[in-house]
Amino acid sequence: MEKDVVKKIAQLVRAGATLTSYTCPVCGTVLVRLKTGELYCANCERTVVLVKTEEEAQQAVEVVQLREVRRIVFDKILQLGREIEKLSAPEMIEHLRSMSLLLDIYERLSRIHTEASKQQAKSF
């Protein structure tokens, strides 16, 4: 294991993460469990989901994809928010309608993501 990776792992542990007996399926680095409960590979710099069945693998993929869609929606809400002060009243109203719709979608995605994450956590 490279010194930089060991340093990253040490930083994560000091921040409250715990070492696990699991290793990354991609690079073989020891995984740490973050405070959020997620397993993380300091070498690959990404979360890792352990699964036992194909069904669990599909659920894990869906959780990751939902998280990405939710991030995209959030970024769009922020973009619209930055543009508001430059707009005329009619344009602002249209932007606010779009923001309202996106906020509703974001809230629904958040609820779905939370439920899916809970179900995933129960299986371990």
N, C-alpha and C. Protein backbone atom coordinates (compact mmCIF):
# COMPACT_ATOMS: atom_id res chain seq x y z
N MET A 1 0.86 -1.18 0.00
CA MET A 1 0.00 0.00 0.00
C MET A 1 0.90 1.24 0.00
N GLU A 2 0.59 2.21 -0.83
CA GLU A 2 1.39 3.42 -0.92
C GLU A 2 1.23 4.29 0.32
N LYS A 3 2.27 5.09 0.59
CA LYS A 3 2.25 5.95 1.77
C LYS A 3 1.08 6.93 1.74
N ASP A 4 0.76 7.47 0.55
CA ASP A 4 -0.35 8.43 0.45
C ASP A 4 -1.67 7.79 0.85
N VAL A 5 -1.87 6.55 0.45
CA VAL A 5 -3.11 5.85 0.79
C VAL A 5 -3.17 5.60 2.29
N VAL A 6 -2.05 5.22 2.88
CA VAL A 6 -2.01 4.99 4.32
C VAL A 6 -2.33 6.29 5.05
N LYS A 7 -1.80 7.41 4.56
CA LYS A 7 -2.09 8.71 5.17
C LYS A 7 -3.57 9.05 5.07
N LYS A 8 -4.18 8.77 3.91
CA LYS A 8 -5.61 9.03 3.73
C LYS A 8 -6.44 8.20 4.70
N ILE A 9 -6.06 6.92 4.83
CA ILE A 9 -6.79 6.04 5.75
C ILE A 9 -6.65 6.56 7.18
N ALA A 10 -5.44 6.96 7.56
CA ALA A 10 -5.22 7.48 8.90
C ALA A 10 -6.06 8.74 9.15
N GLN A 11 -6.13 9.62 8.16
CA GLN A 11 -6.96 10.83 8.29
C GLN A 11 -8.42 10.46 8.48
N LEU A 12 -8.89 9.50 7.71
CA LEU A 12 -10.29 9.08 7.83
C LEU A 12 -10.57 8.49 9.21
N VAL A 13 -9.65 7.68 9.72
CA VAL A 13 -9.81 7.08 11.05
C VAL A 13 -9.82 8.17 12.11
N ARG A 14 -8.92 9.15 11.99
CA ARG A 14 -8.92 10.26 12.95
C ARG A 14 -10.23 11.05 12.90
N ALA A 15 -10.86 11.06 11.72
CA ALA A 15 -12.13 11.78 11.56
C ALA A 15 -13.33 10.96 12.00
N GLY A 16 -13.09 9.72 12.47
CA GLY A 16 -14.19 8.93 12.99
C GLY A 16 -14.51 7.66 12.21
N ALA A 17 -13.81 7.42 11.11
CA ALA A 17 -14.04 6.19 10.35
C ALA A 17 -13.41 5.02 11.11
N THR A 18 -13.83 3.81 10.78
CA THR A 18 -13.25 2.62 11.41
C THR A 18 -12.72 1.68 10.33
N LEU A 19 -11.62 1.03 10.64
CA LEU A 19 -11.08 0.03 9.72
C LEU A 19 -11.99 -1.19 9.71
N THR A 20 -12.06 -1.85 8.58
CA THR A 20 -12.87 -3.06 8.46
C THR A 20 -11.98 -4.22 8.04
N SER A 21 -12.54 -5.39 8.00
CA SER A 21 -11.81 -6.57 7.52
C SER A 21 -12.02 -6.76 6.02
N TYR A 22 -12.80 -5.89 5.40
CA TYR A 22 -13.07 -5.98 3.97
C TYR A 22 -11.98 -5.28 3.17
N THR A 23 -11.79 -5.74 1.94
CA THR A 23 -10.85 -5.08 1.03
C THR A 23 -11.59 -4.67 -0.24
N CYS A 24 -11.05 -3.69 -0.90
CA CYS A 24 -11.65 -3.19 -2.14
C CYS A 24 -11.59 -4.26 -3.22
N PRO A 25 -12.70 -4.53 -3.89
CA PRO A 25 -12.69 -5.56 -4.93
C PRO A 25 -11.90 -5.13 -6.17
N VAL A 26 -11.60 -3.84 -6.28
CA VAL A 26 -10.86 -3.34 -7.45
C VAL A 26 -9.36 -3.35 -7.20
N CYS A 27 -8.94 -2.79 -6.04
CA CYS A 27 -7.50 -2.60 -5.81
C CYS A 27 -6.94 -3.38 -4.63
N GLY A 28 -7.81 -3.94 -3.78
CA GLY A 28 -7.35 -4.73 -2.65
C GLY A 28 -7.02 -3.94 -1.39
N THR A 29 -7.24 -2.62 -1.40
CA THR A 29 -6.98 -1.78 -0.23
C THR A 29 -8.01 -2.06 0.85
N VAL A 30 -7.57 -2.00 2.10
CA VAL A 30 -8.47 -2.18 3.24
C VAL A 30 -9.53 -1.07 3.20
N LEU A 31 -10.79 -1.46 3.40
CA LEU A 31 -11.88 -0.49 3.39
C LEU A 31 -12.11 0.08 4.77
N VAL A 32 -12.54 1.33 4.83
CA VAL A 32 -12.93 1.94 6.10
C VAL A 32 -14.44 2.18 6.07
N ARG A 33 -15.05 2.10 7.25
CA ARG A 33 -16.47 2.41 7.36
C ARG A 33 -16.58 3.84 7.85
N LEU A 34 -17.18 4.71 7.01
CA LEU A 34 -17.35 6.11 7.36
C LEU A 34 -18.43 6.27 8.41
N LYS A 35 -18.51 7.44 9.01
CA LYS A 35 -19.55 7.70 10.01
C LYS A 35 -20.94 7.49 9.44
N THR A 36 -21.09 7.68 8.14
CA THR A 36 -22.38 7.50 7.48
C THR A 36 -22.76 6.03 7.33
N GLY A 37 -21.79 5.14 7.62
CA GLY A 37 -22.05 3.71 7.47
C GLY A 37 -21.55 3.16 6.15
N GLU A 38 -21.17 4.04 5.24
CA GLU A 38 -20.69 3.60 3.93
C GLU A 38 -19.28 3.05 4.04
N LEU A 39 -18.99 2.05 3.22
CA LEU A 39 -17.63 1.54 3.10
C LEU A 39 -16.92 2.37 2.04
N TYR A 40 -15.65 2.71 2.30
CA TYR A 40 -14.92 3.62 1.43
C TYR A 40 -13.52 3.09 1.16
N CYS A 41 -13.10 3.19 -0.09
CA CYS A 41 -11.74 2.83 -0.48
C CYS A 41 -10.94 4.12 -0.64
N ALA A 42 -9.93 4.29 0.20
CA ALA A 42 -9.11 5.51 0.15
C ALA A 42 -8.22 5.53 -1.09
N ASN A 43 -7.92 4.38 -1.64
CA ASN A 43 -7.08 4.32 -2.83
C ASN A 43 -7.89 4.70 -4.08
N CYS A 44 -9.04 4.09 -4.26
CA CYS A 44 -9.91 4.38 -5.41
C CYS A 44 -10.69 5.68 -5.22
N GLU A 45 -10.77 6.14 -3.96
CA GLU A 45 -11.51 7.34 -3.60
C GLU A 45 -12.99 7.25 -3.99
N ARG A 46 -13.59 6.13 -3.59
CA ARG A 46 -15.02 5.95 -3.84
C ARG A 46 -15.61 4.98 -2.83
N THR A 47 -16.93 5.07 -2.71
CA THR A 47 -17.61 4.15 -1.80
C THR A 47 -17.71 2.78 -2.46
N VAL A 48 -17.78 1.77 -1.63
CA VAL A 48 -17.86 0.39 -2.09
C VAL A 48 -19.08 -0.23 -1.42
N VAL A 49 -19.85 -0.95 -2.19
CA VAL A 49 -21.03 -1.63 -1.65
C VAL A 49 -20.80 -3.13 -1.76
N LEU A 50 -20.90 -3.81 -0.64
CA LEU A 50 -20.77 -5.26 -0.62
C LEU A 50 -22.15 -5.87 -0.79
N VAL A 51 -22.24 -6.84 -1.67
CA VAL A 51 -23.53 -7.49 -1.92
C VAL A 51 -23.36 -9.00 -1.89
N LYS A 52 -24.46 -9.67 -1.59
CA LYS A 52 -24.44 -11.13 -1.53
C LYS A 52 -25.14 -11.75 -2.73
N THR A 53 -26.11 -11.04 -3.30
CA THR A 53 -26.89 -11.60 -4.39
C THR A 53 -26.98 -10.61 -5.55
N GLU A 54 -27.44 -11.10 -6.68
CA GLU A 54 -27.65 -10.23 -7.84
C GLU A 54 -28.71 -9.16 -7.54
N GLU A 55 -29.72 -9.55 -6.77
CA GLU A 55 -30.77 -8.60 -6.41
C GLU A 55 -30.19 -7.45 -5.58
N GLU A 56 -29.33 -7.78 -4.63
CA GLU A 56 -28.68 -6.74 -3.83
C GLU A 56 -27.77 -5.87 -4.69
N ALA A 57 -27.11 -6.48 -5.67
CA ALA A 57 -26.26 -5.71 -6.58
C ALA A 57 -27.10 -4.71 -7.37
N GLN A 58 -28.27 -5.15 -7.84
CA GLN A 58 -29.15 -4.25 -8.59
C GLN A 58 -29.64 -3.12 -7.71
N GLN A 59 -30.00 -3.43 -6.47
CA GLN A 59 -30.45 -2.39 -5.54
C GLN A 59 -29.33 -1.39 -5.27
N ALA A 60 -28.10 -1.86 -5.13
CA ALA A 60 -26.97 -0.97 -4.88
C ALA A 60 -26.74 -0.04 -6.07
N VAL A 61 -26.86 -0.57 -7.28
CA VAL A 61 -26.71 0.25 -8.48
C VAL A 61 -27.79 1.32 -8.53
N GLU A 62 -29.00 0.94 -8.18
CA GLU A 62 -30.11 1.90 -8.18
C GLU A 62 -29.88 3.02 -7.18
N VAL A 63 -29.36 2.70 -6.00
CA VAL A 63 -29.08 3.72 -4.98
C VAL A 63 -28.05 4.71 -5.51
N VAL A 64 -27.00 4.21 -6.13
CA VAL A 64 -25.95 5.08 -6.67
C VAL A 64 -26.51 5.95 -7.80
N GLN A 65 -27.31 5.37 -8.67
CA GLN A 65 -27.88 6.13 -9.77
C GLN A 65 -28.85 7.19 -9.27
N LEU A 66 -29.66 6.86 -8.27
CA LEU A 66 -30.58 7.85 -7.68
C LEU A 66 -29.80 9.02 -7.09
N ARG A 67 -28.70 8.70 -6.41
CA ARG A 67 -27.86 9.74 -5.81
C ARG A 67 -27.33 10.69 -6.89
N GLU A 68 -26.94 10.14 -8.02
CA GLU A 68 -26.41 10.97 -9.11
C GLU A 68 -27.51 11.84 -9.72
N VAL A 69 -28.68 11.28 -9.95
CA VAL A 69 -29.80 12.07 -10.49
C VAL A 69 -30.17 13.19 -9.51
N ARG A 70 -30.19 12.86 -8.23
CA ARG A 70 -30.51 13.86 -7.20
C ARG A 70 -29.48 14.99 -7.20
N ARG A 71 -28.20 14.65 -7.39
CA ARG A 71 -27.15 15.66 -7.46
C ARG A 71 -27.34 16.57 -8.67
N ILE A 72 -27.70 15.99 -9.80
CA ILE A 72 -27.92 16.78 -11.02
C ILE A 72 -29.09 17.75 -10.82
N VAL A 73 -30.18 17.26 -10.23
CA VAL A 73 -31.35 18.12 -9.97
C VAL A 73 -30.96 19.25 -9.02
N PHE A 74 -30.20 18.94 -7.98
CA PHE A 74 -29.77 19.96 -7.03
C PHE A 74 -28.91 21.02 -7.72
N ASP A 75 -27.97 20.59 -8.56
CA ASP A 75 -27.13 21.54 -9.30
C ASP A 75 -27.97 22.47 -10.18
N LYS A 76 -29.02 21.92 -10.79
CA LYS A 76 -29.89 22.73 -11.64
C LYS A 76 -30.67 23.74 -10.81
N ILE A 77 -31.10 23.35 -9.62
CA ILE A 77 -31.80 24.28 -8.72
C ILE A 77 -30.87 25.44 -8.37
N LEU A 78 -29.63 25.13 -8.04
CA LEU A 78 -28.65 26.18 -7.72
C LEU A 78 -28.41 27.10 -8.91
N GLN A 79 -28.31 26.53 -10.08
CA GLN A 79 -28.08 27.32 -11.29
C GLN A 79 -29.24 28.29 -11.52
N LEU A 80 -30.46 27.80 -11.40
CA LEU A 80 -31.62 28.66 -11.58
C LEU A 80 -31.64 29.76 -10.51
N GLY A 81 -31.27 29.41 -9.29
CA GLY A 81 -31.23 30.39 -8.21
C GLY A 81 -30.25 31.52 -8.48
N ARG A 82 -29.09 31.18 -9.06
CA ARG A 82 -28.09 32.21 -9.38
C ARG A 82 -28.57 33.14 -10.49
N GLU A 83 -29.43 32.65 -11.36
CA GLU A 83 -29.89 33.44 -12.51
C GLU A 83 -31.05 34.37 -12.18
N ILE A 84 -31.73 34.14 -11.08
CA ILE A 84 -32.97 34.85 -10.78
C ILE A 84 -32.81 36.37 -10.73
N GLU A 85 -31.78 36.87 -10.05
CA GLU A 85 -31.68 38.32 -9.85
C GLU A 85 -31.46 39.09 -11.15
N LYS A 86 -31.05 38.43 -12.21
CA LYS A 86 -30.80 39.09 -13.49
C LYS A 86 -32.04 39.13 -14.39
N LEU A 87 -33.12 38.54 -13.95
CA LEU A 87 -34.28 38.34 -14.81
C LEU A 87 -35.35 39.39 -14.61
N SER A 88 -36.16 39.56 -15.65
CA SER A 88 -37.34 40.40 -15.52
C SER A 88 -38.39 39.63 -14.72
N ALA A 89 -39.43 40.31 -14.30
CA ALA A 89 -40.46 39.67 -13.48
C ALA A 89 -41.08 38.45 -14.16
N PRO A 90 -41.50 38.54 -15.43
CA PRO A 90 -42.09 37.34 -16.06
C PRO A 90 -41.10 36.18 -16.17
N GLU A 91 -39.84 36.50 -16.48
CA GLU A 91 -38.83 35.44 -16.57
C GLU A 91 -38.57 34.83 -15.18
N MET A 92 -38.59 35.68 -14.17
CA MET A 92 -38.36 35.21 -12.81
C MET A 92 -39.46 34.25 -12.38
N ILE A 93 -40.69 34.58 -12.72
CA ILE A 93 -41.81 33.72 -12.37
C ILE A 93 -41.65 32.35 -13.02
N GLU A 94 -41.23 32.34 -14.27
CA GLU A 94 -41.02 31.07 -14.97
C GLU A 94 -39.89 30.26 -14.32
N HIS A 95 -38.81 30.94 -13.94
CA HIS A 95 -37.70 30.27 -13.26
C HIS A 95 -38.16 29.70 -11.91
N LEU A 96 -38.96 30.47 -11.19
CA LEU A 96 -39.43 30.02 -9.88
C LEU A 96 -40.35 28.81 -10.02
N ARG A 97 -41.15 28.78 -11.07
CA ARG A 97 -41.98 27.59 -11.33
C ARG A 97 -41.11 26.37 -11.57
N SER A 98 -40.07 26.58 -12.39
CA SER A 98 -39.14 25.47 -12.66
C SER A 98 -38.45 25.02 -11.38
N MET A 99 -38.03 25.99 -10.57
CA MET A 99 -37.37 25.65 -9.30
C MET A 99 -38.30 24.88 -8.39
N SER A 100 -39.54 25.29 -8.33
CA SER A 100 -40.52 24.62 -7.49
C SER A 100 -40.70 23.17 -7.93
N LEU A 101 -40.81 22.96 -9.22
CA LEU A 101 -40.95 21.61 -9.76
C LEU A 101 -39.70 20.77 -9.44
N LEU A 102 -38.53 21.36 -9.63
CA LEU A 102 -37.29 20.65 -9.34
C LEU A 102 -37.15 20.34 -7.84
N LEU A 103 -37.57 21.26 -7.00
CA LEU A 103 -37.53 21.02 -5.56
C LEU A 103 -38.43 19.85 -5.17
N ASP A 104 -39.60 19.77 -5.78
CA ASP A 104 -40.50 18.64 -5.53
C ASP A 104 -39.84 17.33 -5.96
N ILE A 105 -39.22 17.35 -7.13
CA ILE A 105 -38.54 16.15 -7.63
C ILE A 105 -37.39 15.78 -6.70
N TYR A 106 -36.63 16.78 -6.27
CA TYR A 106 -35.50 16.55 -5.37
C TYR A 106 -35.96 15.92 -4.06
N GLU A 107 -37.05 16.44 -3.53
CA GLU A 107 -37.59 15.90 -2.28
C GLU A 107 -38.02 14.45 -2.44
N ARG A 108 -38.68 14.13 -3.55
CA ARG A 108 -39.10 12.75 -3.79
C ARG A 108 -37.90 11.82 -3.96
N LEU A 109 -36.91 12.29 -4.72
CA LEU A 109 -35.70 11.49 -4.90
C LEU A 109 -34.99 11.26 -3.57
N SER A 110 -34.99 12.27 -2.72
CA SER A 110 -34.34 12.14 -1.41
C SER A 110 -35.05 11.08 -0.56
N ARG A 111 -36.38 11.09 -0.59
CA ARG A 111 -37.14 10.10 0.17
C ARG A 111 -36.87 8.69 -0.35
N ILE A 112 -36.88 8.55 -1.66
CA ILE A 112 -36.63 7.24 -2.27
C ILE A 112 -35.21 6.78 -1.93
N HIS A 113 -34.26 7.69 -2.04
CA HIS A 113 -32.86 7.36 -1.75
C HIS A 113 -32.69 6.93 -0.29
N THR A 114 -33.33 7.65 0.61
CA THR A 114 -33.23 7.33 2.03
C THR A 114 -33.80 5.94 2.31
N GLU A 115 -34.97 5.64 1.75
CA GLU A 115 -35.57 4.33 1.94
C GLU A 115 -34.71 3.22 1.35
N ALA A 116 -34.18 3.45 0.16
CA ALA A 116 -33.34 2.44 -0.48
C ALA A 116 -32.06 2.21 0.32
N SER A 117 -31.49 3.28 0.86
CA SER A 117 -30.28 3.16 1.67
C SER A 117 -30.56 2.40 2.95
N LYS A 118 -31.73 2.63 3.57
CA LYS A 118 -32.10 1.90 4.78
C LYS A 118 -32.24 0.41 4.49
N GLN A 119 -32.89 0.08 3.38
CA GLN A 119 -33.08 -1.33 3.02
C GLN A 119 -31.74 -1.99 2.77
N GLN A 120 -30.84 -1.24 2.11
CA GLN A 120 -29.52 -1.77 1.82
C GLN A 120 -28.74 -2.01 3.11
N ALA A 121 -28.84 -1.09 4.05
CA ALA A 121 -28.12 -1.22 5.33
C ALA A 121 -28.65 -2.41 6.13
N LYS A 122 -29.95 -2.70 6.03
CA LYS A 122 -30.54 -3.82 6.76
C LYS A 122 -29.99 -5.17 6.29
N SER A 123 -29.57 -5.22 5.05
CA SER A 123 -29.10 -6.50 4.51
C SER A 123 -27.69 -6.82 4.96
N PHE A 124 -27.04 -5.90 5.72
CA PHE A 124 -25.68 -6.18 6.21
C PHE A 124 -25.66 -6.19 7.68
